Protein backbone atom coordinates (compact mmCIF):
# COMPACT_ATOMS: atom_id res chain seq x y z
CA MET A 1 -3.82 -22.56 4.63
CA ARG A 2 -7.03 -24.23 5.77
CA TYR A 3 -8.22 -24.80 2.21
CA ASP A 4 -6.35 -26.57 -0.59
CA PHE A 5 -6.31 -24.41 -3.70
CA ASP A 6 -3.43 -26.42 -5.20
CA LYS A 7 -5.67 -29.45 -5.71
CA MET A 8 -5.85 -30.41 -9.40
CA THR A 9 -9.50 -31.29 -9.96
CA ASP A 10 -10.17 -32.84 -13.37
CA ARG A 11 -13.14 -31.03 -14.89
CA ARG A 12 -13.23 -32.84 -18.22
CA GLY A 13 -16.33 -34.90 -18.85
CA THR A 14 -18.48 -32.85 -16.47
CA GLY A 15 -20.27 -30.70 -19.05
CA SER A 16 -18.02 -27.74 -18.26
CA LEU A 17 -18.21 -24.90 -20.78
CA LYS A 18 -14.62 -23.99 -20.01
CA TRP A 19 -13.23 -27.49 -20.36
CA ASP A 20 -15.28 -28.64 -23.36
CA VAL A 21 -12.15 -28.49 -25.49
CA PRO A 22 -9.84 -31.02 -27.17
CA GLU A 23 -7.66 -33.10 -24.84
CA ARG A 24 -4.45 -31.27 -25.68
CA GLU A 25 -5.87 -27.83 -24.90
CA LEU A 26 -5.52 -25.87 -21.67
CA PRO A 27 -8.38 -23.36 -21.28
CA MET A 28 -7.64 -20.07 -19.56
CA TRP A 29 -10.35 -17.99 -21.16
CA VAL A 30 -13.85 -17.80 -19.61
CA ALA A 31 -14.22 -16.28 -16.11
CA ASP A 32 -14.68 -19.57 -14.28
CA MET A 33 -12.31 -20.81 -11.55
CA ASP A 34 -10.86 -24.32 -11.40
CA PHE A 35 -11.20 -24.52 -7.60
CA GLU A 36 -13.75 -26.68 -5.84
CA ALA A 37 -16.43 -24.71 -4.01
CA ALA A 38 -16.01 -24.04 -0.31
CA PRO A 39 -16.69 -27.16 1.82
CA GLU A 40 -19.33 -25.24 3.74
CA ILE A 41 -21.29 -24.65 0.54
CA ARG A 42 -20.89 -28.24 -0.61
CA GLU A 43 -22.15 -29.47 2.77
CA ALA A 44 -25.26 -27.30 2.46
CA LEU A 45 -25.88 -28.71 -1.01
CA HIS A 46 -25.37 -32.27 0.25
CA ARG A 47 -28.02 -31.71 2.91
CA ARG A 48 -30.41 -30.43 0.28
CA VAL A 49 -29.74 -33.42 -1.99
CA GLU A 50 -30.24 -35.87 0.87
CA HIS A 51 -33.72 -34.46 1.45
CA GLY A 52 -34.56 -36.00 -1.90
CA VAL A 53 -37.50 -33.84 -3.04
CA PHE A 54 -36.87 -31.13 -5.64
CA GLY A 55 -40.17 -29.42 -6.32
CA TYR A 56 -40.90 -25.76 -6.94
CA ASN A 57 -39.10 -23.34 -4.66
CA VAL A 58 -39.59 -19.92 -3.10
CA VAL A 59 -37.09 -17.29 -1.97
CA THR A 60 -36.83 -17.70 1.79
CA ARG A 61 -36.24 -15.00 4.39
CA ASP A 62 -32.70 -16.20 5.11
CA TRP A 63 -31.74 -15.44 1.50
CA TYR A 64 -32.60 -11.76 2.00
CA GLU A 65 -30.85 -11.70 5.37
CA ALA A 66 -27.71 -13.28 3.90
CA TYR A 67 -27.39 -10.56 1.26
CA GLN A 68 -28.17 -7.81 3.75
CA GLY A 69 -25.65 -9.12 6.25
CA TRP A 70 -22.87 -9.59 3.69
CA TRP A 71 -23.16 -6.18 2.07
CA GLY A 72 -23.63 -4.43 5.37
CA ARG A 73 -20.65 -6.16 6.99
CA ARG A 74 -18.18 -6.27 4.11
CA HIS A 75 -19.20 -3.38 1.88
CA HIS A 76 -20.79 -0.84 4.26
CA LEU A 77 -24.08 -0.81 2.37
CA GLU A 78 -27.24 -1.12 4.42
CA MET A 79 -29.98 -2.41 2.16
CA GLU A 80 -33.63 -3.00 2.90
CA GLN A 81 -35.19 -6.38 2.22
CA ASP A 82 -37.68 -4.87 -0.22
CA TRP A 83 -34.82 -3.66 -2.43
CA LEU A 84 -33.80 -7.21 -3.34
CA VAL A 85 -35.23 -9.32 -6.14
CA PHE A 86 -34.06 -12.86 -6.88
CA CYS A 87 -32.82 -13.59 -10.41
CA THR A 88 -31.27 -16.66 -12.02
CA GLY A 89 -28.18 -14.72 -13.11
CA VAL A 90 -26.63 -11.34 -13.69
CA VAL A 91 -26.73 -11.69 -17.49
CA PRO A 92 -30.48 -12.53 -17.53
CA ALA A 93 -31.02 -9.54 -15.24
CA ILE A 94 -29.12 -7.21 -17.58
CA SER A 95 -31.03 -8.44 -20.61
CA SER A 96 -34.36 -8.06 -18.80
CA ALA A 97 -33.41 -4.55 -17.70
CA VAL A 98 -32.52 -3.55 -21.24
CA ARG A 99 -35.86 -4.84 -22.50
CA LYS A 100 -38.00 -3.38 -19.71
CA LEU A 101 -36.27 -0.08 -18.96
CA THR A 102 -35.37 1.08 -22.47
CA THR A 103 -37.08 1.21 -25.85
CA VAL A 104 -36.04 -0.33 -29.17
CA GLY A 105 -33.69 2.03 -30.99
CA GLU A 106 -32.41 3.81 -27.89
CA ASN A 107 -28.74 3.94 -26.90
CA VAL A 108 -27.23 1.90 -24.10
CA LEU A 109 -23.82 3.26 -23.10
CA VAL A 110 -20.86 1.05 -22.20
CA GLN A 111 -17.26 1.88 -21.28
CA THR A 112 -15.01 -0.20 -23.48
CA PRO A 113 -13.10 -2.46 -23.26
CA VAL A 114 -15.83 -4.17 -21.25
CA TYR A 115 -17.43 -7.56 -20.55
CA ASN A 116 -18.41 -8.81 -23.98
CA ILE A 117 -21.86 -10.11 -23.02
CA PHE A 118 -22.97 -6.50 -22.47
CA PHE A 119 -22.89 -6.15 -26.24
CA ASN A 120 -25.14 -9.19 -26.70
CA SER A 121 -27.71 -7.93 -24.18
CA ILE A 122 -27.92 -4.63 -26.04
CA ARG A 123 -27.72 -5.77 -29.65
CA ASN A 124 -30.00 -8.81 -29.28
CA ASN A 125 -32.74 -6.58 -27.93
CA GLY A 126 -32.66 -4.05 -30.75
CA ARG A 127 -30.92 -1.25 -28.86
CA ASN A 128 -27.85 0.65 -30.02
CA ILE A 129 -24.44 0.09 -28.44
CA LEU A 130 -22.90 3.45 -27.60
CA GLU A 131 -19.23 3.19 -26.61
CA SER A 132 -17.41 5.64 -24.39
CA PRO A 133 -13.89 4.18 -24.55
CA LEU A 134 -11.77 4.28 -21.44
CA VAL A 135 -8.47 6.14 -21.77
CA TYR A 136 -5.39 3.89 -21.70
CA ASP A 137 -2.12 5.70 -21.03
CA GLY A 138 0.10 2.67 -21.59
CA GLY A 139 -0.22 1.67 -17.95
CA GLU A 140 -3.67 2.24 -16.51
CA TYR A 141 -7.21 3.10 -17.55
CA SER A 142 -9.28 6.15 -16.69
CA ILE A 143 -12.54 7.77 -17.81
CA ASP A 144 -12.77 10.48 -20.46
CA PHE A 145 -15.51 12.46 -18.74
CA GLY A 146 -15.85 14.88 -21.63
CA ASP A 147 -16.70 12.04 -24.00
CA LEU A 148 -18.89 10.37 -21.38
CA GLU A 149 -21.01 13.47 -20.78
CA GLU A 150 -21.36 14.19 -24.48
CA LYS A 151 -22.79 10.73 -25.05
CA LEU A 152 -24.98 10.75 -21.94
CA ALA A 153 -26.44 14.07 -23.13
CA ASP A 154 -27.75 12.47 -26.32
CA PRO A 155 -31.54 12.22 -25.78
CA GLN A 156 -31.44 8.74 -27.32
CA THR A 157 -29.19 7.50 -24.49
CA THR A 158 -31.35 6.11 -21.67
CA LEU A 159 -29.25 3.46 -19.90
CA MET A 160 -25.60 3.10 -18.89
CA LEU A 161 -24.11 -0.30 -18.08
CA LEU A 162 -21.42 0.24 -15.46
CA CYS A 163 -18.93 -2.53 -14.66
CA ASN A 164 -17.88 -2.07 -11.02
CA PRO A 165 -15.17 -3.35 -10.54
CA HIS A 166 -14.33 -3.27 -14.22
CA ASN A 167 -13.92 -6.43 -16.27
CA PRO A 168 -11.53 -6.98 -18.04
CA VAL A 169 -9.11 -4.26 -16.84
CA GLY A 170 -9.46 -5.00 -13.11
CA LYS A 171 -10.13 -1.39 -12.14
CA ILE A 172 -11.78 -0.45 -8.85
CA TRP A 173 -13.70 2.79 -9.38
CA ASP A 174 -13.23 5.13 -6.42
CA ARG A 175 -16.04 6.98 -4.67
CA GLU A 176 -15.33 10.30 -6.40
CA THR A 177 -15.42 8.71 -9.85
CA LEU A 178 -18.66 6.90 -9.13
CA ALA A 179 -20.23 10.05 -7.72
CA ARG A 180 -19.35 11.96 -10.87
CA ILE A 181 -20.82 9.22 -13.06
CA GLY A 182 -23.97 9.25 -10.94
CA GLU A 183 -24.37 13.02 -11.15
CA LEU A 184 -23.91 13.06 -14.93
CA CYS A 185 -26.38 10.23 -15.47
CA ALA A 186 -29.00 11.85 -13.25
CA ARG A 187 -28.51 15.21 -14.95
CA HIS A 188 -29.13 13.68 -18.37
CA HIS A 189 -31.91 11.29 -17.28
CA VAL A 190 -29.87 8.14 -17.90
CA LEU A 191 -30.45 5.16 -15.61
CA VAL A 192 -27.37 3.29 -14.33
CA LEU A 193 -27.21 -0.49 -14.20
CA SER A 194 -24.16 -1.45 -12.16
CA ASP A 195 -22.82 -4.98 -12.66
CA GLU A 196 -21.00 -5.72 -9.38
CA ILE A 197 -20.54 -9.46 -9.74
CA HIS A 198 -16.74 -9.22 -9.28
CA CYS A 199 -16.98 -7.05 -6.16
CA ASP A 200 -15.74 -9.68 -3.68
CA LEU A 201 -12.67 -10.52 -5.77
CA THR A 202 -10.54 -7.53 -4.85
CA ASP A 203 -6.89 -7.99 -3.98
CA PRO A 204 -6.11 -8.13 -0.24
CA GLY A 205 -6.02 -4.61 1.15
CA TYR A 206 -8.44 -3.24 -1.45
CA GLU A 207 -12.20 -2.67 -1.17
CA TYR A 208 -14.76 -1.84 -3.80
CA VAL A 209 -17.39 0.86 -3.42
CA PRO A 210 -21.01 -0.11 -4.23
CA PHE A 211 -22.44 2.40 -6.68
CA ALA A 212 -25.66 2.70 -4.66
CA ALA A 213 -23.68 3.54 -1.50
CA VAL A 214 -22.04 6.65 -2.96
CA SER A 215 -24.94 9.13 -2.67
CA ASP A 216 -28.70 9.43 -2.67
CA VAL A 217 -28.49 10.38 -6.34
CA CYS A 218 -26.64 7.17 -7.21
CA ARG A 219 -28.92 5.05 -5.03
CA ASP A 220 -32.18 6.36 -6.47
CA ASN A 221 -31.15 6.23 -10.13
CA SER A 222 -29.65 2.75 -10.27
CA VAL A 223 -30.13 -0.97 -10.57
CA THR A 224 -27.36 -3.14 -9.08
CA CYS A 225 -26.67 -6.75 -10.04
CA LEU A 226 -25.17 -8.87 -7.26
CA ALA A 227 -24.30 -12.55 -6.89
CA PRO A 228 -22.12 -15.05 -5.01
CA THR A 229 -21.42 -16.89 -8.24
CA LYS A 230 -18.14 -15.28 -9.33
CA ALA A 231 -16.46 -15.10 -5.92
CA PHE A 232 -17.56 -18.57 -4.82
CA ASN A 233 -17.46 -20.27 -8.25
CA LEU A 234 -21.16 -21.14 -8.34
CA ALA A 235 -22.16 -19.91 -11.80
CA GLY A 236 -23.78 -23.24 -12.73
CA LEU A 237 -26.25 -22.94 -9.84
CA GLN A 238 -27.99 -19.92 -11.40
CA THR A 239 -28.35 -17.67 -8.39
CA ALA A 240 -28.15 -13.88 -8.26
CA ALA A 241 -29.94 -10.78 -7.00
CA VAL A 242 -30.98 -7.41 -8.32
CA MET A 243 -30.96 -4.55 -5.83
CA VAL A 244 -33.22 -1.62 -6.71
CA PRO A 245 -33.86 0.97 -3.97
CA ASN A 246 -36.15 3.12 -6.14
CA PRO A 247 -39.65 1.53 -5.86
CA VAL A 248 -40.83 2.71 -9.29
CA ILE A 249 -37.79 1.30 -11.08
CA ARG A 250 -37.98 -1.86 -8.95
CA HIS A 251 -41.61 -2.48 -9.90
CA LYS A 252 -40.75 -2.22 -13.60
CA LEU A 253 -37.72 -4.47 -13.33
CA GLU A 254 -39.52 -7.04 -11.21
CA ARG A 255 -42.24 -7.22 -13.85
CA GLY A 256 -39.56 -7.67 -16.51
CA LEU A 257 -37.81 -10.49 -14.64
CA ASN A 258 -41.11 -12.29 -14.10
CA THR A 259 -42.16 -11.82 -17.72
CA ASP A 260 -38.87 -13.34 -18.80
CA GLU A 261 -39.35 -16.19 -16.27
CA VAL A 262 -35.95 -15.65 -14.60
CA ALA A 263 -37.23 -14.76 -11.12
CA GLU A 264 -37.74 -18.23 -9.62
CA PRO A 265 -35.00 -20.26 -7.88
CA ASN A 266 -34.09 -23.86 -8.52
CA SER A 267 -33.70 -26.24 -5.58
CA PHE A 268 -30.08 -25.24 -4.90
CA ALA A 269 -29.94 -21.53 -5.73
CA VAL A 270 -31.15 -20.13 -2.41
CA GLY A 271 -29.31 -22.52 -0.09
CA ALA A 272 -26.00 -22.12 -1.92
CA ALA A 273 -26.16 -18.32 -1.68
CA VAL A 274 -27.06 -18.43 2.01
CA ALA A 275 -24.21 -20.83 2.78
CA ALA A 276 -21.74 -18.71 0.80
CA PHE A 277 -22.59 -15.44 2.54
CA ARG A 278 -23.04 -16.92 6.01
CA GLU A 279 -20.25 -19.49 6.12
CA GLY A 280 -17.93 -18.89 3.16
CA GLU A 281 -15.98 -15.87 4.35
CA PRO A 282 -12.88 -17.76 5.65
CA TRP A 283 -12.65 -19.63 2.34
CA LEU A 284 -12.99 -16.40 0.37
CA GLU A 285 -10.26 -14.67 2.37
CA GLU A 286 -7.81 -17.48 1.61
CA LEU A 287 -8.92 -17.52 -2.03
CA ARG A 288 -8.18 -13.81 -2.37
CA GLU A 289 -4.66 -14.36 -1.03
CA TYR A 290 -4.11 -17.25 -3.42
CA LEU A 291 -5.44 -15.36 -6.43
CA ALA A 292 -3.29 -12.33 -5.63
CA GLU A 293 -0.20 -14.53 -5.58
CA ASN A 294 -1.25 -16.13 -8.88
CA LYS A 295 -1.51 -12.67 -10.42
CA CYS A 296 1.95 -11.84 -9.05
CA CYS A 297 3.29 -15.07 -10.55
CA VAL A 298 2.04 -13.99 -13.97
CA ARG A 299 3.62 -10.54 -13.61
CA ARG A 300 6.97 -12.00 -12.53
CA PHE A 301 6.92 -14.52 -15.37
CA MET A 302 6.22 -11.82 -17.93
CA GLU A 303 8.96 -9.56 -16.59
CA GLU A 304 11.49 -12.39 -16.70
CA HIS A 305 10.53 -14.27 -19.84
CA LEU A 306 8.11 -12.18 -21.92
CA PRO A 307 8.94 -8.52 -21.29
CA GLU A 308 7.20 -7.50 -24.54
CA ILE A 309 3.86 -8.23 -22.85
CA ARG A 310 2.69 -5.66 -20.33
CA VAL A 311 0.33 -6.80 -17.59
CA VAL A 312 -2.11 -3.97 -16.94
CA PRO A 313 -2.22 -3.19 -13.18
CA SER A 314 -5.26 -4.79 -11.56
CA GLN A 315 -6.73 -4.51 -8.07
CA ALA A 316 -9.88 -6.56 -8.66
CA THR A 317 -11.17 -9.66 -10.44
CA TYR A 318 -8.92 -12.66 -10.99
CA LEU A 319 -8.59 -11.80 -14.67
CA LEU A 320 -5.53 -10.20 -16.25
CA TRP A 321 -5.49 -7.86 -19.23
CA LEU A 322 -2.31 -8.27 -21.27
CA ASP A 323 -1.04 -5.51 -23.56
CA CYS A 324 0.55 -7.24 -26.56
CA GLY A 325 1.05 -4.06 -28.60
CA SER A 326 4.82 -4.57 -28.76
CA LEU A 327 4.24 -7.90 -30.51
CA THR A 328 1.22 -7.25 -32.69
CA GLU A 329 -1.68 -4.91 -33.37
CA ASP A 330 -3.96 -7.94 -33.85
CA ALA A 331 -4.09 -10.03 -30.69
CA GLY A 332 -6.87 -12.12 -32.22
CA GLU A 333 -4.41 -13.48 -34.74
CA LEU A 334 -1.95 -14.08 -31.91
CA THR A 335 -4.41 -15.94 -29.67
CA GLY A 336 -5.39 -18.11 -32.64
CA PHE A 337 -1.75 -18.96 -33.25
CA ILE A 338 -1.14 -19.76 -29.56
CA ARG A 339 -4.14 -22.05 -29.38
CA GLN A 340 -3.16 -23.94 -32.51
CA ASP A 341 0.51 -24.09 -31.52
CA SER A 342 0.47 -25.05 -27.83
CA GLY A 343 -3.19 -25.61 -27.04
CA LEU A 344 -3.35 -22.65 -24.63
CA TYR A 345 -6.82 -21.14 -24.99
CA LEU A 346 -6.97 -17.41 -24.21
CA THR A 347 -9.48 -14.67 -25.09
CA GLU A 348 -8.74 -12.07 -27.74
CA GLY A 349 -9.23 -8.54 -26.49
CA GLU A 350 -11.31 -7.35 -29.43
CA GLU A 351 -14.24 -9.29 -27.97
CA TYR A 352 -14.43 -6.51 -25.38
CA GLY A 353 -14.57 -3.71 -27.94
CA ALA A 354 -12.43 -2.50 -30.83
CA CYS A 355 -10.09 -0.71 -28.42
CA GLY A 356 -9.07 -4.11 -27.07
CA LYS A 357 -7.65 -5.35 -30.36
CA ARG A 358 -4.03 -5.44 -29.16
CA PHE A 359 -4.88 -7.11 -25.83
CA ILE A 360 -5.42 -10.62 -24.51
CA ARG A 361 -7.45 -11.61 -21.44
CA LEU A 362 -5.94 -14.38 -19.33
CA ASN A 363 -7.70 -16.21 -16.50
CA PRO A 364 -5.18 -17.39 -13.86
CA ALA A 365 -7.83 -18.65 -11.39
CA CYS A 366 -6.54 -22.19 -11.18
CA PRO A 367 -4.09 -24.28 -9.14
CA ARG A 368 -0.59 -22.84 -9.38
CA GLY A 369 0.78 -25.92 -11.10
CA ARG A 370 -1.77 -25.53 -13.89
CA LEU A 371 -1.01 -21.81 -14.13
CA GLN A 372 2.70 -22.52 -14.49
CA GLU A 373 1.96 -24.97 -17.30
CA GLY A 374 -0.11 -22.32 -19.06
CA LEU A 375 2.66 -19.74 -18.78
CA GLU A 376 5.20 -22.18 -20.16
CA ARG A 377 2.91 -22.92 -23.09
CA LEU A 378 2.57 -19.18 -23.70
CA LYS A 379 6.35 -18.75 -23.65
CA THR A 380 6.87 -21.62 -26.08
CA SER A 381 4.27 -20.32 -28.51
CA LEU A 382 5.63 -16.77 -28.45
CA GLU A 383 9.13 -18.03 -29.15
CA ARG A 384 7.77 -19.71 -32.27
CA TRP A 385 5.73 -16.60 -33.13
CA ARG A 386 8.87 -14.45 -33.06
CA ARG A 387 10.71 -16.86 -35.38
CA LEU A 388 7.85 -16.73 -37.86
């Protein structure tokens, strides 16, 4: 491989959220990779640093062109420049959208188990969380469309947060499923906000479908959050985009982003995104291969050493959703025990909704040697758990 994903970079002492833990602990929780950014991106940032002046910044034309080129080339979505609005992050964009596009006391629908920060963006803004749980058949997840339509039909429901691909279960929603969601939301006057931050982290051989590319109905009744930050490990640079084809919705959201002061780039946000989308593709292709093998390593390890834990099939994201129902109905208690026992820091599934109570989310996006250490710690802790 051209790029070295086995390199063990020490992230302690760098202000890392993930690694701000005691020395003995090994964090595999938050969705943050332990790989250094692509050399092409680092070189672009070095050039910007060497310039030496870091005043106020604007969004340059090449930023728009980089997004347009990437989504047109890789995801078959032709977007117009006017559709794009810069934002400092997907989470700020979601929170702004909730504030600007809904009213206090209205329902915002989510499909649980789902990215836990969705709950914060809804609850912190005085809206009601309305869950439409995904159906888990012991192997895979699907949508209960009867339940979904019933809840969309509630006049108090005005916004749906769609996770595409879905975090934490790693599901790629197909075109037919997305079309059906779009039709139901339009029928019941519910706007769709599609969080597509994980879209470039599909397994080799798999592609995601942008919600806005499915139909005119989906395009005109949606807000899409995009970013290079998850795929290229740039979350700390605070760079993202909101794509809104509908001019009326776009005007409202743009006003919301500016009111919340999250629509202006720092000195590195634009250049990093441009470098990622223009020059980072070879790095990303090798990363996807490496991540897919890491996910396979976890599955093989579980089958051989921890058969009680079922790894839910995943075609997207680098995260893995582990069904621990054969061991416990309270995975929160289990993750607490594991962290205290071996120092392995995982995420309890209940953070993603009550239906995730028997699950654990594991992040294997790290050098393979570190992943192997984490799996061995997990095995050791579960052996002690069984004895207790």
